N, C-alpha and C. Protein backbone atom coordinates (compact mmCIF):
# COMPACT_ATOMS: atom_id res chain seq x y z
N UNK A 1 116.35 98.27 168.64
CA UNK A 1 115.87 98.39 167.16
C UNK A 1 114.18 98.82 166.82
N UNK A 2 113.22 98.53 167.84
CA UNK A 2 111.68 98.49 166.88
C UNK A 2 111.47 100.07 167.43
N UNK A 3 112.38 100.51 168.76
CA UNK A 3 112.15 102.24 168.51
C UNK A 3 112.31 102.77 167.39
N UNK A 4 113.75 102.54 167.11
CA UNK A 4 113.74 103.69 165.88
C UNK A 4 113.22 102.90 164.91
N UNK A 5 113.09 102.12 164.25
CA UNK A 5 111.52 102.01 163.67
C UNK A 5 110.57 102.79 163.54
N UNK A 6 109.95 102.68 165.06
CA UNK A 6 108.78 103.67 164.84
C UNK A 6 109.29 105.14 164.81
N UNK A 7 110.16 105.26 164.87
CA UNK A 7 110.93 106.41 165.64
C UNK A 7 110.88 107.13 163.83
N UNK A 8 111.52 106.67 162.59
CA UNK A 8 111.41 106.71 161.69
C UNK A 8 110.20 106.91 160.96
N UNK A 9 109.10 105.68 161.09
CA UNK A 9 107.87 105.41 160.51
C UNK A 9 106.96 107.22 161.06
N UNK A 10 107.32 107.57 162.19
CA UNK A 10 106.60 108.38 162.84
C UNK A 10 107.03 109.95 161.99
N UNK A 11 108.36 109.90 161.98
CA UNK A 11 108.98 111.26 160.74
C UNK A 11 108.74 111.70 159.86
N UNK A 12 108.32 109.99 158.84
CA UNK A 12 108.50 110.62 157.97
C UNK A 12 106.42 110.41 157.23
N UNK A 13 105.86 109.93 158.81
CA UNK A 13 104.25 110.65 158.89
C UNK A 13 104.46 111.83 158.63
N UNK A 14 104.49 112.70 159.74
CA UNK A 14 104.67 113.95 160.03
C UNK A 14 105.48 114.57 158.70
N UNK A 15 106.46 114.57 157.96
CA UNK A 15 106.61 114.82 156.76
C UNK A 15 106.05 114.58 155.67
N UNK A 16 105.02 113.54 155.56
CA UNK A 16 104.81 113.52 154.40
C UNK A 16 104.53 112.20 153.32
N UNK A 17 105.48 111.98 154.08
CA UNK A 17 106.33 111.05 153.21
C UNK A 17 105.73 109.69 152.86
N UNK A 18 104.66 109.24 153.73
CA UNK A 18 103.95 108.45 153.60
C UNK A 18 103.12 107.98 152.09
N UNK A 19 102.89 107.31 152.17
CA UNK A 19 101.93 106.91 150.51
C UNK A 19 101.07 106.56 150.97
N UNK A 20 99.66 107.67 150.32
CA UNK A 20 98.46 107.56 151.26
C UNK A 20 97.66 106.45 149.43
N UNK A 21 96.63 106.67 149.64
CA UNK A 21 95.68 105.98 148.96
C UNK A 21 95.55 106.46 147.57
N UNK A 22 95.67 108.09 147.75
CA UNK A 22 95.43 108.81 146.54
C UNK A 22 96.72 108.77 145.86
N UNK A 23 98.04 108.28 146.11
CA UNK A 23 99.05 108.41 145.53
C UNK A 23 99.10 107.07 144.51
N UNK A 24 98.28 106.36 144.74
CA UNK A 24 98.60 105.03 143.48
C UNK A 24 97.28 105.77 142.63
N UNK A 25 97.92 105.05 141.37
CA UNK A 25 97.48 105.86 140.47
C UNK A 25 96.33 104.57 140.18
N UNK A 26 95.45 104.59 139.51
CA UNK A 26 93.87 104.27 139.08
C UNK A 26 93.93 104.24 137.80
N UNK A 27 93.70 103.05 137.16
CA UNK A 27 93.76 102.98 135.21
C UNK A 27 92.18 102.66 135.00
N UNK A 28 91.95 102.66 134.34
CA UNK A 28 90.72 102.38 133.65
C UNK A 28 90.10 101.89 131.99
N UNK A 29 89.64 101.62 131.52
CA UNK A 29 89.53 101.47 129.67
C UNK A 29 88.20 100.86 129.19
N UNK A 30 87.54 101.00 128.39
CA UNK A 30 86.70 100.97 127.83
C UNK A 30 86.72 99.77 126.35
N UNK A 31 86.57 98.71 126.22
CA UNK A 31 86.70 97.72 124.82
C UNK A 31 84.87 97.77 124.09
N UNK A 32 85.13 97.85 123.10
CA UNK A 32 83.62 98.11 122.25
C UNK A 32 83.70 97.01 121.45
N UNK A 33 82.82 95.96 120.57
CA UNK A 33 82.78 94.94 119.44
C UNK A 33 81.70 95.74 118.99
N UNK A 34 81.84 96.22 117.43
CA UNK A 34 81.61 96.91 116.73
C UNK A 34 80.47 96.28 115.93
N UNK A 35 80.62 94.62 116.19
CA UNK A 35 79.82 93.60 115.28
C UNK A 35 78.61 93.45 115.78
N UNK A 36 78.83 93.58 117.51
CA UNK A 36 77.40 93.55 118.46
C UNK A 36 76.59 94.48 119.18
N UNK A 37 78.03 95.69 119.31
CA UNK A 37 77.32 97.06 119.55
C UNK A 37 77.85 96.69 121.33
N UNK A 38 78.31 95.49 121.62
CA UNK A 38 77.90 95.37 123.43
C UNK A 38 79.68 95.85 123.57
N UNK A 39 79.88 96.85 124.80
CA UNK A 39 81.00 96.91 125.56
C UNK A 39 81.58 96.59 126.64
N UNK A 40 82.53 96.77 126.82
CA UNK A 40 83.09 96.44 128.65
C UNK A 40 83.59 97.11 128.97
N UNK A 41 83.56 97.50 130.50
CA UNK A 41 84.42 98.39 130.93
C UNK A 41 85.30 98.08 132.50
N UNK A 42 86.30 99.17 132.40
CA UNK A 42 86.57 98.91 133.92
C UNK A 42 87.03 100.41 134.87
N UNK A 43 87.03 100.16 135.32
CA UNK A 43 88.01 101.44 136.68
C UNK A 43 88.64 100.97 137.83
N UNK A 44 89.42 102.10 138.36
CA UNK A 44 90.03 101.22 139.36
C UNK A 44 91.23 100.52 139.63
N UNK A 45 91.46 100.31 138.37
CA UNK A 45 93.03 99.00 138.48
C UNK A 45 93.93 99.34 138.44
N UNK A 46 94.70 98.67 139.12
CA UNK A 46 96.28 99.13 139.42
C UNK A 46 97.24 99.49 138.60
N UNK A 47 96.54 98.90 137.33
CA UNK A 47 97.82 99.09 135.65
C UNK A 47 96.84 98.92 134.69
N UNK A 48 97.53 99.59 133.74
CA UNK A 48 96.52 99.46 132.39
C UNK A 48 96.49 98.27 132.02
N UNK A 49 97.49 97.56 131.92
CA UNK A 49 97.15 95.87 131.55
C UNK A 49 95.82 94.94 132.64
N UNK A 50 95.64 95.51 133.40
CA UNK A 50 94.83 94.93 134.26
C UNK A 50 93.28 95.58 133.68
N UNK A 51 93.22 97.03 133.92
CA UNK A 51 92.15 97.57 133.06
C UNK A 51 92.03 96.96 131.67
N UNK A 52 92.44 96.92 131.34
CA UNK A 52 92.56 96.54 129.74
C UNK A 52 91.85 95.06 129.66
N UNK A 53 92.61 94.13 129.95
CA UNK A 53 91.78 92.87 130.54
C UNK A 53 90.22 92.88 131.14
N UNK A 54 90.40 93.48 131.83
CA UNK A 54 89.12 93.33 132.20
C UNK A 54 87.67 93.93 131.87
N UNK A 55 88.20 94.76 131.40
CA UNK A 55 87.43 95.25 130.08
C UNK A 55 86.58 94.51 128.63
N UNK A 56 88.15 93.68 128.38
CA UNK A 56 87.75 93.14 127.19
C UNK A 56 87.11 91.55 127.68
N UNK A 57 87.07 91.31 128.86
CA UNK A 57 86.16 90.25 129.88
C UNK A 57 84.72 90.60 129.81
N UNK A 58 84.71 92.22 130.19
CA UNK A 58 83.31 92.46 130.29
C UNK A 58 82.92 92.28 129.08
N UNK A 59 83.03 92.41 128.36
CA UNK A 59 82.72 92.59 126.74
C UNK A 59 82.40 91.55 125.81
N UNK A 60 81.43 91.37 125.53
CA UNK A 60 80.42 90.25 124.44
C UNK A 60 81.37 90.71 122.95
N UNK A 61 81.76 89.42 122.48
CA UNK A 61 82.14 89.75 121.20
C UNK A 61 83.32 89.27 120.84
N UNK A 62 83.63 88.52 119.74
CA UNK A 62 85.19 88.00 119.26
C UNK A 62 85.98 89.43 118.90
N UNK A 63 85.42 89.90 118.51
CA UNK A 63 86.01 91.71 117.95
C UNK A 63 86.05 92.98 119.24
N UNK A 64 85.76 92.37 119.77
CA UNK A 64 85.92 93.85 121.32
C UNK A 64 87.56 94.06 121.02
N UNK A 65 87.84 95.01 120.90
CA UNK A 65 88.84 95.78 121.41
C UNK A 65 89.13 96.82 122.24
N UNK A 66 89.92 96.80 123.05
CA UNK A 66 90.12 98.26 123.38
C UNK A 66 90.10 99.79 122.94
N UNK A 67 89.29 100.20 123.15
CA UNK A 67 88.84 101.92 121.92
C UNK A 67 89.69 103.06 122.75
N UNK A 68 89.85 102.77 124.24
CA UNK A 68 90.23 103.88 125.21
C UNK A 68 90.95 103.08 126.55
N UNK A 69 91.93 103.37 126.71
CA UNK A 69 92.17 103.42 128.66
C UNK A 69 92.83 105.43 129.13
N UNK A 70 92.95 104.62 130.29
CA UNK A 70 92.90 106.78 131.47
C UNK A 70 93.17 106.13 132.64
N UNK A 71 94.19 107.08 133.29
CA UNK A 71 95.06 106.90 134.42
C UNK A 71 94.35 108.09 135.03
N UNK A 72 93.89 108.09 136.27
CA UNK A 72 92.79 108.68 137.19
C UNK A 72 92.88 110.10 136.37
N UNK A 73 91.70 109.39 135.79
CA UNK A 73 90.86 110.09 134.77
C UNK A 73 89.58 109.62 134.28
N UNK A 74 88.91 110.67 133.31
CA UNK A 74 87.48 109.07 132.57
C UNK A 74 87.37 109.41 131.96
N UNK A 75 87.36 108.28 131.29
CA UNK A 75 87.12 108.13 129.86
C UNK A 75 85.71 107.88 129.08
N UNK A 76 85.51 108.15 127.85
CA UNK A 76 84.06 107.68 127.66
C UNK A 76 84.36 107.14 125.92
N UNK A 77 83.13 106.77 125.93
CA UNK A 77 82.99 106.08 124.15
C UNK A 77 81.47 106.52 123.58
N UNK A 78 81.50 106.86 122.44
CA UNK A 78 80.55 107.36 121.49
C UNK A 78 80.48 106.52 120.38
N UNK A 79 79.06 106.02 119.81
CA UNK A 79 78.88 105.62 118.79
C UNK A 79 77.60 106.61 117.59
N UNK A 80 78.33 106.20 116.50
CA UNK A 80 77.37 106.37 115.27
C UNK A 80 75.69 105.82 115.47
N UNK A 81 74.98 105.65 114.64
CA UNK A 81 73.75 105.07 114.87
C UNK A 81 73.81 104.05 114.40
N UNK A 82 75.14 103.44 113.65
CA UNK A 82 75.19 102.53 112.72
C UNK A 82 75.63 101.93 113.77
N UNK A 83 76.85 101.73 114.76
CA UNK A 83 77.56 101.24 115.61
C UNK A 83 78.80 101.09 114.94
N UNK A 84 79.38 101.78 113.96
CA UNK A 84 80.45 101.25 113.25
C UNK A 84 81.07 103.06 113.07
N UNK A 85 81.10 104.03 113.74
CA UNK A 85 81.63 104.95 113.52
C UNK A 85 81.79 105.10 114.84
N UNK A 86 82.71 105.48 115.84
CA UNK A 86 83.10 105.55 117.15
C UNK A 86 83.86 106.95 117.84
N UNK A 87 83.57 107.38 118.54
CA UNK A 87 84.98 108.53 119.13
C UNK A 87 85.19 108.36 120.50
N UNK A 88 86.29 108.07 120.88
CA UNK A 88 86.82 108.34 122.28
C UNK A 88 87.30 109.54 123.10
N UNK A 89 87.74 109.58 123.94
CA UNK A 89 88.25 110.86 124.81
C UNK A 89 88.60 110.42 126.36
N UNK A 90 89.63 110.90 126.87
CA UNK A 90 89.61 110.70 128.35
C UNK A 90 89.80 112.42 128.72
N UNK A 91 89.75 112.39 129.66
CA UNK A 91 89.93 113.70 130.73
C UNK A 91 89.86 113.71 131.81
N UNK A 92 89.92 114.39 132.68
CA UNK A 92 89.86 114.91 133.62
C UNK A 92 88.39 115.02 134.12
N UNK A 93 87.72 115.89 133.70
CA UNK A 93 86.37 115.94 133.66
C UNK A 93 85.57 114.76 133.02
N UNK A 94 84.80 114.81 133.69
CA UNK A 94 83.72 113.18 132.82
C UNK A 94 82.87 113.92 132.04
N UNK A 95 82.22 114.90 132.18
CA UNK A 95 81.79 115.90 131.11
C UNK A 95 82.64 116.23 129.90
N UNK A 96 83.66 116.77 130.24
CA UNK A 96 84.31 116.50 129.09
C UNK A 96 85.04 115.63 128.22
N UNK A 97 85.33 114.87 129.01
CA UNK A 97 85.42 113.43 128.00
C UNK A 97 84.17 112.85 127.07
N UNK A 98 83.02 113.38 127.89
CA UNK A 98 81.82 112.85 127.43
C UNK A 98 81.66 113.53 125.81
N UNK A 99 81.62 115.20 125.96
CA UNK A 99 81.75 115.77 124.73
C UNK A 99 82.55 115.72 123.96
N UNK A 100 83.54 115.51 124.27
CA UNK A 100 84.90 115.41 123.57
C UNK A 100 84.68 113.87 122.52
N UNK A 101 84.42 112.95 123.35
CA UNK A 101 84.04 111.71 122.51
C UNK A 101 82.93 112.02 121.66
N UNK A 102 81.91 112.74 121.99
CA UNK A 102 80.55 112.88 120.97
C UNK A 102 81.94 113.92 119.24
N UNK A 103 82.37 114.55 119.79
CA UNK A 103 82.86 115.47 118.78
C UNK A 103 83.85 114.09 117.68
N UNK A 104 84.08 113.61 118.49
CA UNK A 104 85.41 113.03 117.60
C UNK A 104 84.14 111.83 116.53
N UNK A 105 83.31 111.26 117.27
CA UNK A 105 82.31 110.74 116.39
C UNK A 105 81.76 111.31 115.25
N UNK A 106 81.04 112.60 115.80
CA UNK A 106 81.06 113.49 115.10
C UNK A 106 82.04 113.85 113.59
N UNK A 107 83.44 114.16 113.76
CA UNK A 107 84.42 114.18 112.96
C UNK A 107 84.61 113.02 112.01
N UNK A 108 84.03 111.92 112.38
CA UNK A 108 84.37 110.92 111.76
C UNK A 108 83.25 110.29 110.94
N UNK A 109 81.86 111.30 110.81
CA UNK A 109 80.89 111.71 110.06
C UNK A 109 80.21 110.31 110.62
N UNK A 110 79.96 110.34 112.16
CA UNK A 110 78.82 109.87 112.89
C UNK A 110 77.55 110.65 112.69
N UNK A 111 76.67 109.30 112.72
CA UNK A 111 75.10 110.03 112.63
C UNK A 111 74.49 109.98 113.90
N UNK A 112 73.80 110.85 114.32
CA UNK A 112 72.85 111.02 115.80
C UNK A 112 74.12 109.63 116.29
N UNK A 113 75.23 110.33 116.58
CA UNK A 113 75.99 110.12 117.61
C UNK A 113 75.94 110.09 119.54
N UNK A 114 76.11 108.88 120.28
CA UNK A 114 75.41 109.23 121.45
C UNK A 114 76.58 108.51 122.31
N UNK A 115 76.81 109.12 123.56
CA UNK A 115 77.77 108.34 124.55
C UNK A 115 76.78 107.06 125.12
N UNK A 116 77.99 106.01 124.66
CA UNK A 116 77.77 104.79 124.85
C UNK A 116 77.55 104.08 126.41
N UNK A 117 78.99 105.38 127.02
CA UNK A 117 79.22 104.36 128.18
C UNK A 117 80.44 105.56 128.19
N UNK A 118 80.59 106.26 129.87
CA UNK A 118 81.74 106.18 130.36
C UNK A 118 81.93 106.03 131.39
N UNK A 119 83.27 106.39 131.94
CA UNK A 119 83.56 106.09 133.15
C UNK A 119 84.64 106.70 133.89
N UNK A 120 84.74 106.64 135.27
CA UNK A 120 86.09 107.28 135.62
C UNK A 120 87.20 106.04 136.51
N UNK A 121 88.28 106.25 136.60
CA UNK A 121 89.27 105.95 137.27
C UNK A 121 90.04 106.73 138.37
N UNK A 122 89.15 107.04 139.38
CA UNK A 122 90.54 108.03 140.13
C UNK A 122 90.13 107.20 141.65
C-alpha cells in the first residue's frame, strides 16, 4: 500500500498535478479612516476576510473602512489634501494601481492627490 501511495505521488509530481505555493491565492486589503487620516493594510493573506480583518485591525480610527481589496495583485489608495476625497485601485502592476488611484482621486475633485499606501499580495 505504501509503495502504491508513493508511486501515485511521484506520477502526480511529474504530471504537474501537485499544488505549489504559487497556486495558492493571496489577498490584500487597505482600510482608511477619513476622520484621522490613518490607514491599515494587509498582504499575502489566505482569504479576503483575513485580509480585510488585518487591515481594519491595523487602522487607527473607529471609522476605518475597507477601501479596496485585491487578489494576487496590488492595491493603492490615494487621498486629496483634505483627506476626505479618496481614490483606490487594484491591478497586476503596482505602478498602474498607483496611477489609477491618483486618477480616481482627481476625478472625484480631489486637490493635490497623492498615494498614501500601496501594497501587493502575490
